[in-house]
Amino acid sequence: MSRGSVGLGGRCTGTAPRSWSAPTAPLQRSLGIADTAELALADWQQMGGPTADLEWARRYIADSARDVYQWCAELGIEWVSLDQPEGNSVPRRHLPAGWGRRIIEVLETRARALGVTIRTGVTAEELCHADGRITGVRIRSAGEVETLATPAVAICTGGFIGRIETVLKHSPQLRALPRVLAGGAPTAVGLGHDLLHACGAEFTNLDHLWVYPTGTPDPSDPSDTRGLGLRGVTTEIWLNTDGRRFHDESLRGGHSGTNALLEQPGQTAWSVFSAAEAEHVLLIDNEYYGTSAGPDPTAMKQFWAESAHVRTADGPAELARSAGLPEEAVVQALDDFNAAVTSGDAAEPLTGRSLAGLREVTGWADRRATFPDGAEEPRWRAHESTVRSTESLR
């Protein structure tokens, strides 16, 4: 049953690439990447800290290559690339062809072949229970109420990140931030959690949220609470309100990137990238702007024109003025970074960021990001962004 939705998969069918960390999987071996379960667990423990469920992690790490990677491959899902998010000692996050949409399509086909009945557009209103156990589900479909009696109920709910008041309820410290944008699927509003809570279920670690340091308000969202993530940019630099770089921008996830941004004046920064990269920019969390096949040029043109958080200028000094940043500091930051890129050195001196594959930032675009979760023509463009938050898995 898909609760209150006309399709399957939620955010998995959108522009977010669904992925799994599967140490010792065949793709790693084929690329000559040495990985072990012990190394993966050590990384997990270091990133997860004292509340990490290491027993769960051990089982996942031990079985994921077989139960996720191989099983999906046998169903027809092709694992095409690896990346190395912060906290991983080696590349081990596997990305599938067709992203999450392909996974959902394959799983739906398999389920139907096994005789599973799939009902969409159905709202689960209540879990029926007696003598301490769940006995069924009361649903509403096309205005009719129905009770499905069953010996077992699996709640495969999405998160609650799409309901910002719930995010702030569980992590009230986020209220101190200038702005928090909701990421994930618009349907991820915690309805499954509500059903379980009504039955007296216990929850753990709901305050453990993964928040990204970048995001921009979705101009198509009338509530002005949803954010869009940005992908596809090879080279960008982050400038704080003093016009200075402060972090290795390749570490753009919810770990050190978010912490670095929170330490800046106003907990705000500007992300600056070259106009030459504009055609590759993919906004995620709203499929209107693009899918795993790439960005929609018409929708992206509309975004650049309609977003109240985009600035365009004819040069870096003018862009600095439009963004309210010190001109001299911005020009100096760009000059220093570009000089490092063309120097032939392996890393730039300020943050130690690897320069492999990077290009000069010229004739660019930029976007302002305010934390907590988390472009185009040869002109200078700035685009304001605010943090997006997404739940952790545990």
Protein backbone atom coordinates (compact mmCIF):
# COMPACT_ATOMS: atom_id res chain seq x y z
CA MET A 1 0.00 0.00 0.00
CA SER A 2 1.24 3.46 -0.83
CA ARG A 3 -0.25 5.84 1.68
CA GLY A 4 -1.92 8.89 0.22
CA SER A 5 0.21 8.75 -2.93
CA VAL A 6 -0.67 7.96 -6.52
CA GLY A 7 2.75 6.42 -7.19
CA LEU A 8 5.38 4.29 -5.55
CA GLY A 9 8.74 5.12 -4.10
CA GLY A 10 8.42 8.61 -2.65
CA ARG A 11 11.71 10.48 -2.93
CA CYS A 12 13.41 7.39 -4.38
CA THR A 13 11.71 8.07 -7.71
CA GLY A 14 12.89 11.67 -7.86
CA THR A 15 16.22 13.28 -8.54
CA ALA A 16 17.96 11.91 -5.47
CA PRO A 17 20.30 9.03 -6.39
CA ARG A 18 19.51 6.07 -4.14
CA SER A 19 22.72 4.36 -3.09
CA TRP A 20 24.17 1.75 -0.77
CA SER A 21 27.48 1.33 0.95
CA ALA A 22 28.50 -2.24 0.23
CA PRO A 23 32.09 -3.00 1.25
CA THR A 24 33.77 -5.86 -0.65
CA ALA A 25 31.15 -5.71 -3.44
CA PRO A 26 32.19 -6.75 -6.99
CA LEU A 27 32.28 -3.20 -8.39
CA GLN A 28 34.89 -2.22 -5.81
CA ARG A 29 37.01 -5.24 -6.66
CA SER A 30 36.73 -4.59 -10.40
CA LEU A 31 38.09 -1.08 -9.84
CA GLY A 32 40.94 -2.30 -7.66
CA ILE A 33 39.58 -0.72 -4.48
CA ALA A 34 40.66 -2.59 -1.36
CA ASP A 35 37.96 -2.56 1.31
CA THR A 36 37.07 -4.72 4.27
CA ALA A 37 34.17 -5.12 6.68
CA GLU A 38 36.49 -4.10 9.51
CA LEU A 39 37.45 -0.85 7.79
CA ALA A 40 33.83 -0.05 7.00
CA LEU A 41 32.80 -0.64 10.61
CA ALA A 42 35.61 1.56 11.90
CA ASP A 43 34.45 4.36 9.57
CA TRP A 44 30.87 3.85 10.73
CA GLN A 45 31.84 4.08 14.38
CA GLN A 46 33.93 7.20 13.88
CA MET A 47 31.15 9.01 12.02
CA GLY A 48 28.28 7.72 14.15
CA GLY A 49 29.81 8.52 17.50
CA PRO A 50 28.62 7.10 20.81
CA THR A 51 25.01 6.51 19.72
CA ALA A 52 25.90 4.42 16.65
CA ASP A 53 24.20 1.02 16.72
CA LEU A 54 27.29 -1.03 15.97
CA GLU A 55 25.55 -4.41 16.18
CA TRP A 56 23.09 -3.30 13.49
CA ALA A 57 26.02 -1.89 11.51
CA ARG A 58 27.93 -5.18 11.71
CA ARG A 59 24.98 -7.11 10.32
CA TYR A 60 24.44 -4.58 7.55
CA ILE A 61 28.10 -4.53 6.55
CA ALA A 62 28.40 -8.31 6.65
CA ASP A 63 25.31 -8.93 4.53
CA SER A 64 24.89 -5.88 2.28
CA ALA A 65 27.06 -7.13 -0.60
CA ARG A 66 24.89 -10.23 -0.84
CA ASP A 67 21.48 -9.03 0.31
CA VAL A 68 21.49 -5.61 -1.37
CA TYR A 69 24.12 -5.39 -4.09
CA GLN A 70 23.92 -8.91 -5.49
CA TRP A 71 20.17 -9.31 -5.01
CA CYS A 72 19.47 -6.05 -6.83
CA ALA A 73 21.90 -6.98 -9.59
CA GLU A 74 20.12 -10.30 -10.11
CA LEU A 75 16.84 -8.42 -10.51
CA GLY A 76 18.35 -6.26 -13.27
CA ILE A 77 19.65 -3.21 -11.42
CA GLU A 78 23.03 -2.08 -12.73
CA TRP A 79 25.50 -0.57 -10.29
CA VAL A 80 27.46 1.88 -12.40
CA SER A 81 29.67 4.03 -10.21
CA LEU A 82 31.17 4.59 -6.78
CA ASP A 83 31.76 7.70 -4.78
CA GLN A 84 33.38 8.45 -1.45
CA PRO A 85 31.31 10.61 0.88
CA GLU A 86 33.08 12.17 3.81
CA GLY A 87 33.78 9.65 6.54
CA ASN A 88 34.54 6.78 4.16
CA SER A 89 38.18 5.72 3.92
CA VAL A 90 37.65 4.41 0.38
CA PRO A 91 34.97 4.77 -2.32
CA ARG A 92 32.16 2.41 -1.31
CA ARG A 93 28.85 4.16 -1.96
CA HIS A 94 27.30 2.48 -5.00
CA LEU A 95 25.10 4.41 -7.43
CA PRO A 96 22.66 2.63 -9.77
CA ALA A 97 21.85 3.43 -13.38
CA GLY A 98 18.54 5.27 -13.45
CA TRP A 99 18.92 6.22 -9.78
CA GLY A 100 16.04 5.48 -7.42
CA ARG A 101 13.39 5.41 -10.13
CA ARG A 102 15.00 2.37 -11.73
CA ILE A 103 15.16 0.56 -8.39
CA ILE A 104 11.48 1.17 -7.71
CA GLU A 105 10.52 0.01 -11.19
CA VAL A 106 12.46 -3.22 -10.80
CA LEU A 107 11.13 -3.94 -7.32
CA GLU A 108 7.55 -3.27 -8.42
CA THR A 109 7.92 -5.66 -11.34
CA ARG A 110 9.31 -8.35 -9.04
CA ALA A 111 6.58 -7.85 -6.44
CA ARG A 112 3.79 -8.11 -9.01
CA ALA A 113 5.39 -11.26 -10.46
CA LEU A 114 5.19 -12.78 -6.98
CA GLY A 115 1.49 -12.02 -6.79
CA VAL A 116 1.71 -8.94 -4.56
CA THR A 117 -1.25 -6.56 -4.83
CA ILE A 118 -0.15 -2.93 -4.84
CA ARG A 119 -2.67 -0.23 -4.01
CA THR A 120 -1.82 3.45 -4.39
CA GLY A 121 -3.81 6.51 -3.41
CA VAL A 122 -4.72 4.78 -0.15
CA THR A 123 -4.49 6.47 3.24
CA ALA A 124 -3.69 4.31 6.26
CA GLU A 125 -5.65 5.97 9.06
CA GLU A 126 -5.12 3.66 12.01
CA LEU A 127 -3.25 0.55 13.09
CA CYS A 128 -5.65 -1.94 14.66
CA HIS A 129 -4.26 -3.64 17.74
CA ALA A 130 -5.32 -5.99 20.50
CA ASP A 131 -3.53 -7.74 23.34
CA GLY A 132 -0.31 -5.91 22.64
CA ARG A 133 -0.02 -6.78 18.95
CA ILE A 134 -0.99 -5.21 15.62
CA THR A 135 -3.88 -7.03 13.98
CA GLY A 136 -4.53 -4.98 10.88
CA VAL A 137 -4.86 -1.56 9.28
CA ARG A 138 -7.83 0.74 8.83
CA ILE A 139 -7.57 2.48 5.47
CA ARG A 140 -9.46 5.04 3.43
CA SER A 141 -9.66 4.76 -0.33
CA ALA A 142 -11.90 6.77 -2.65
CA GLY A 143 -13.85 7.99 0.37
CA GLU A 144 -14.54 4.47 1.64
CA VAL A 145 -13.21 3.13 4.94
CA GLU A 146 -11.96 -0.45 5.04
CA THR A 147 -10.24 -2.62 7.65
CA LEU A 148 -7.59 -5.04 6.47
CA ALA A 149 -7.04 -7.85 8.99
CA THR A 150 -3.60 -9.40 8.73
CA PRO A 151 -1.19 -11.39 10.90
CA ALA A 152 1.65 -8.95 10.15
CA VAL A 153 2.03 -5.30 9.24
CA ALA A 154 5.25 -3.76 7.90
CA ILE A 155 5.49 0.01 8.27
CA CYS A 156 7.82 1.14 5.47
CA THR A 157 7.24 4.81 6.12
CA GLY A 158 9.26 7.65 4.79
CA GLY A 159 10.76 10.21 7.10
CA PHE A 160 9.30 13.38 8.57
CA ILE A 161 11.72 15.82 7.00
CA GLY A 162 9.02 17.29 4.78
CA ARG A 163 7.16 18.67 7.82
CA ILE A 164 9.35 21.38 9.21
CA GLU A 165 7.43 21.74 12.49
CA THR A 166 8.19 18.08 13.27
CA VAL A 167 11.86 18.62 12.46
CA LEU A 168 11.99 21.52 14.90
CA LYS A 169 10.06 19.55 17.52
CA HIS A 170 12.63 16.77 17.59
CA SER A 171 15.66 19.05 17.16
CA PRO A 172 14.67 22.31 18.86
CA GLN A 173 18.27 23.57 18.65
CA LEU A 174 17.64 24.17 14.95
CA ARG A 175 15.28 27.02 15.87
CA ALA A 176 18.33 29.13 16.64
CA LEU A 177 19.44 29.02 13.01
CA PRO A 178 18.56 31.79 10.57
CA ARG A 179 16.61 29.42 8.36
CA VAL A 180 15.95 25.71 7.90
CA LEU A 181 14.59 24.27 4.66
CA ALA A 182 12.89 20.89 4.37
CA GLY A 183 14.54 18.40 2.05
CA GLY A 184 13.47 14.95 0.91
CA ALA A 185 10.08 14.13 -0.55
CA PRO A 186 7.11 16.47 -0.03
CA THR A 187 5.18 13.39 1.14
CA ALA A 188 7.72 12.66 3.91
CA VAL A 189 5.66 14.28 6.66
CA GLY A 190 5.86 11.58 9.33
CA LEU A 191 2.41 10.01 8.89
CA GLY A 192 3.81 6.55 9.53
CA HIS A 193 5.40 7.81 12.71
CA ASP A 194 2.03 9.22 13.75
CA LEU A 195 0.35 5.82 13.30
CA LEU A 196 2.98 4.11 15.39
CA HIS A 197 2.94 6.79 18.07
CA ALA A 198 -0.81 6.34 18.48
CA CYS A 199 -0.17 2.67 19.28
CA GLY A 200 2.42 3.45 21.92
CA ALA A 201 5.49 2.61 19.85
CA GLU A 202 8.87 3.71 21.14
CA PHE A 203 11.30 5.71 18.98
CA THR A 204 14.98 6.39 19.35
CA ASN A 205 17.32 9.06 17.99
CA LEU A 206 14.66 11.16 16.30
CA ASP A 207 16.85 14.16 17.04
CA HIS A 208 19.64 12.67 14.93
CA LEU A 209 19.13 14.61 11.72
CA TRP A 210 21.47 14.82 8.76
CA VAL A 211 21.57 18.41 7.64
CA TYR A 212 23.30 19.72 4.56
CA PRO A 213 25.13 23.05 4.49
CA THR A 214 23.71 23.95 1.08
CA GLY A 215 20.24 24.34 -0.37
CA THR A 216 18.10 27.00 -1.97
CA PRO A 217 14.39 27.76 -1.52
CA ASP A 218 12.16 26.12 -4.12
CA PRO A 219 10.41 29.00 -5.93
CA SER A 220 7.53 26.67 -6.86
CA ASP A 221 6.75 25.93 -3.19
CA PRO A 222 3.97 28.22 -1.92
CA SER A 223 4.86 27.51 1.71
CA ASP A 224 8.43 28.77 1.18
CA THR A 225 9.71 25.99 3.46
CA ARG A 226 11.08 23.47 0.96
CA GLY A 227 14.64 23.47 -0.28
CA LEU A 228 16.39 22.21 -3.38
CA GLY A 229 19.76 20.52 -3.29
CA LEU A 230 22.34 21.32 -5.94
CA ARG A 231 24.35 18.68 -7.79
CA GLY A 232 26.57 18.58 -10.85
CA VAL A 233 29.03 21.34 -10.00
CA THR A 234 32.68 20.33 -10.30
CA THR A 235 34.35 23.46 -8.93
CA GLU A 236 32.85 25.88 -6.42
CA ILE A 237 34.11 28.00 -3.58
CA TRP A 238 32.26 29.09 -0.45
CA LEU A 239 32.59 32.64 0.80
CA ASN A 240 31.37 33.83 4.18
CA THR A 241 29.89 37.26 4.75
CA ASP A 242 33.43 38.66 5.04
CA GLY A 243 34.05 37.47 1.47
CA ARG A 244 36.55 34.84 2.63
CA ARG A 245 36.84 31.10 2.02
CA PHE A 246 36.63 28.98 5.16
CA HIS A 247 36.35 25.29 4.23
CA ASP A 248 37.40 22.55 1.80
CA GLU A 249 34.32 22.69 -0.42
CA SER A 250 34.70 19.10 -1.57
CA LEU A 251 33.55 18.13 1.93
CA ARG A 252 30.03 19.43 1.32
CA GLY A 253 28.00 16.94 3.34
CA GLY A 254 26.34 17.17 6.72
CA HIS A 255 29.47 16.47 8.73
CA SER A 256 32.37 18.93 8.56
CA GLY A 257 30.70 21.12 5.91
CA THR A 258 27.75 21.88 8.14
CA ASN A 259 29.94 22.44 11.20
CA ALA A 260 32.17 24.82 9.25
CA LEU A 261 29.21 26.85 8.04
CA LEU A 262 27.73 27.10 11.53
CA GLU A 263 30.92 28.74 12.71
CA GLN A 264 30.64 31.58 10.17
CA PRO A 265 29.15 35.02 10.83
CA GLY A 266 25.40 34.77 10.51
CA GLN A 267 25.75 31.04 9.75
CA THR A 268 25.57 32.02 6.10
CA ALA A 269 27.85 31.61 3.10
CA TRP A 270 27.85 32.10 -0.64
CA SER A 271 28.69 29.26 -2.99
CA VAL A 272 30.33 30.50 -6.18
CA PHE A 273 30.81 28.47 -9.34
CA SER A 274 31.62 29.12 -12.97
CA ALA A 275 28.94 29.96 -15.50
CA ALA A 276 30.40 27.26 -17.72
CA GLU A 277 29.02 24.71 -15.27
CA ALA A 278 25.48 26.03 -15.36
CA GLU A 279 24.20 23.57 -17.93
CA HIS A 280 25.24 20.71 -15.64
CA VAL A 281 23.49 22.04 -12.54
CA LEU A 282 20.83 19.60 -11.31
CA LEU A 283 18.39 20.67 -8.62
CA ILE A 284 17.21 17.71 -6.56
CA ASP A 285 14.10 17.11 -4.42
CA ASN A 286 11.73 18.41 -7.08
CA GLU A 287 11.62 16.33 -10.24
CA TYR A 288 10.18 19.26 -12.16
CA TYR A 289 13.70 20.63 -12.56
CA GLY A 290 15.27 17.39 -13.76
CA THR A 291 15.75 13.66 -13.26
CA SER A 292 18.61 11.18 -13.31
CA ALA A 293 18.70 11.76 -17.10
CA GLY A 294 19.79 15.34 -16.41
CA PRO A 295 18.36 18.82 -15.80
CA ASP A 296 15.35 20.11 -17.72
CA PRO A 297 16.65 23.16 -19.62
CA THR A 298 13.27 24.91 -19.72
CA ALA A 299 12.60 24.37 -16.02
CA MET A 300 16.12 25.48 -15.08
CA LYS A 301 15.78 28.64 -17.12
CA GLN A 302 12.54 29.31 -15.26
CA PHE A 303 14.27 28.69 -11.93
CA TRP A 304 17.06 31.16 -12.64
CA ALA A 305 14.50 33.75 -13.72
CA GLU A 306 11.99 33.27 -10.88
CA SER A 307 14.10 32.53 -7.83
CA ALA A 308 14.27 35.49 -5.48
CA HIS A 309 17.63 34.15 -4.34
CA VAL A 310 19.52 34.54 -7.61
CA ARG A 311 21.72 37.49 -8.53
CA THR A 312 23.36 38.24 -11.89
CA ALA A 313 26.24 40.62 -12.51
CA ASP A 314 28.86 41.40 -15.16
CA GLY A 315 31.90 40.84 -12.97
CA PRO A 316 33.11 39.68 -9.54
CA ALA A 317 33.12 43.13 -7.98
CA GLU A 318 29.57 43.81 -9.14
CA LEU A 319 28.47 40.39 -7.91
CA ALA A 320 30.08 41.08 -4.54
CA ARG A 321 28.11 44.32 -4.29
CA SER A 322 24.83 42.62 -5.22
CA ALA A 323 25.45 39.95 -2.59
CA GLY A 324 26.45 42.51 0.03
CA LEU A 325 30.00 41.18 0.31
CA PRO A 326 33.26 43.15 0.52
CA GLU A 327 34.49 43.61 -3.05
CA GLU A 328 38.19 43.48 -2.31
CA ALA A 329 37.92 40.30 -0.25
CA VAL A 330 35.84 38.52 -2.90
CA VAL A 331 38.20 39.43 -5.73
CA GLN A 332 41.19 38.35 -3.62
CA ALA A 333 39.58 35.03 -2.68
CA LEU A 334 38.91 34.23 -6.33
CA ASP A 335 42.36 35.31 -7.45
CA ASP A 336 44.02 33.15 -4.78
CA PHE A 337 41.93 30.09 -5.63
CA ASN A 338 42.41 30.43 -9.37
CA ALA A 339 46.15 30.89 -8.90
CA ALA A 340 46.25 27.66 -6.92
CA VAL A 341 44.34 25.81 -9.66
CA THR A 342 46.83 26.90 -12.32
CA SER A 343 49.91 26.41 -10.14
CA GLY A 344 50.27 22.69 -10.80
CA ASP A 345 50.23 21.95 -7.06
CA ALA A 346 48.34 18.93 -5.74
CA ALA A 347 46.38 20.92 -3.15
CA GLU A 348 45.53 24.55 -2.49
CA PRO A 349 47.26 26.04 0.55
CA LEU A 350 44.33 27.56 2.45
CA THR A 351 42.24 24.45 3.19
CA GLY A 352 44.30 21.63 1.73
CA ARG A 353 41.61 20.87 -0.85
CA SER A 354 42.77 18.58 -3.64
CA LEU A 355 43.06 20.44 -6.94
CA ALA A 356 42.73 17.33 -9.11
CA GLY A 357 40.16 17.91 -11.83
CA LEU A 358 39.34 21.47 -10.73
CA ARG A 359 39.14 24.48 -13.01
CA GLU A 360 39.38 28.21 -12.50
CA VAL A 361 36.22 29.93 -11.29
CA THR A 362 35.51 32.60 -13.88
CA GLY A 363 32.38 34.09 -15.39
CA TRP A 364 30.35 32.31 -12.77
CA ALA A 365 27.29 31.78 -10.73
CA ASP A 366 26.79 31.60 -7.03
CA ARG A 367 24.31 30.72 -4.40
CA ARG A 368 23.98 31.75 -0.77
CA ALA A 369 23.50 29.01 1.74
CA THR A 370 22.37 29.21 5.33
CA PHE A 371 22.67 26.00 7.18
CA PRO A 372 21.21 23.69 9.41
CA ASP A 373 19.63 19.48 8.06
CA GLY A 374 21.76 20.85 4.02
CA ALA A 375 24.64 30.16 -13.41
CA GLU A 376 24.76 29.93 -16.64
CA GLU A 377 25.74 32.48 -19.26
CA PRO A 378 29.14 34.10 -19.21
CA ARG A 379 27.89 36.50 -16.60
CA TRP A 380 28.20 36.35 -12.86
CA ARG A 381 25.23 34.95 -11.07
CA ALA A 382 24.52 34.53 -7.38
CA HIS A 383 21.84 32.37 -5.91
CA GLU A 384 20.79 32.34 -2.29
CA SER A 385 20.52 29.02 -0.56
CA THR A 386 19.49 27.77 2.86
CA VAL A 387 20.12 24.51 4.63
CA ARG A 388 18.19 21.38 3.92
CA SER A 389 17.69 18.67 6.49
CA THR A 390 17.23 14.95 5.89
CA GLU A 391 16.84 12.21 8.51
CA SER A 392 19.57 9.79 9.34
CA LEU A 393 18.82 6.14 8.76
CA ARG A 394 18.92 5.15 12.39
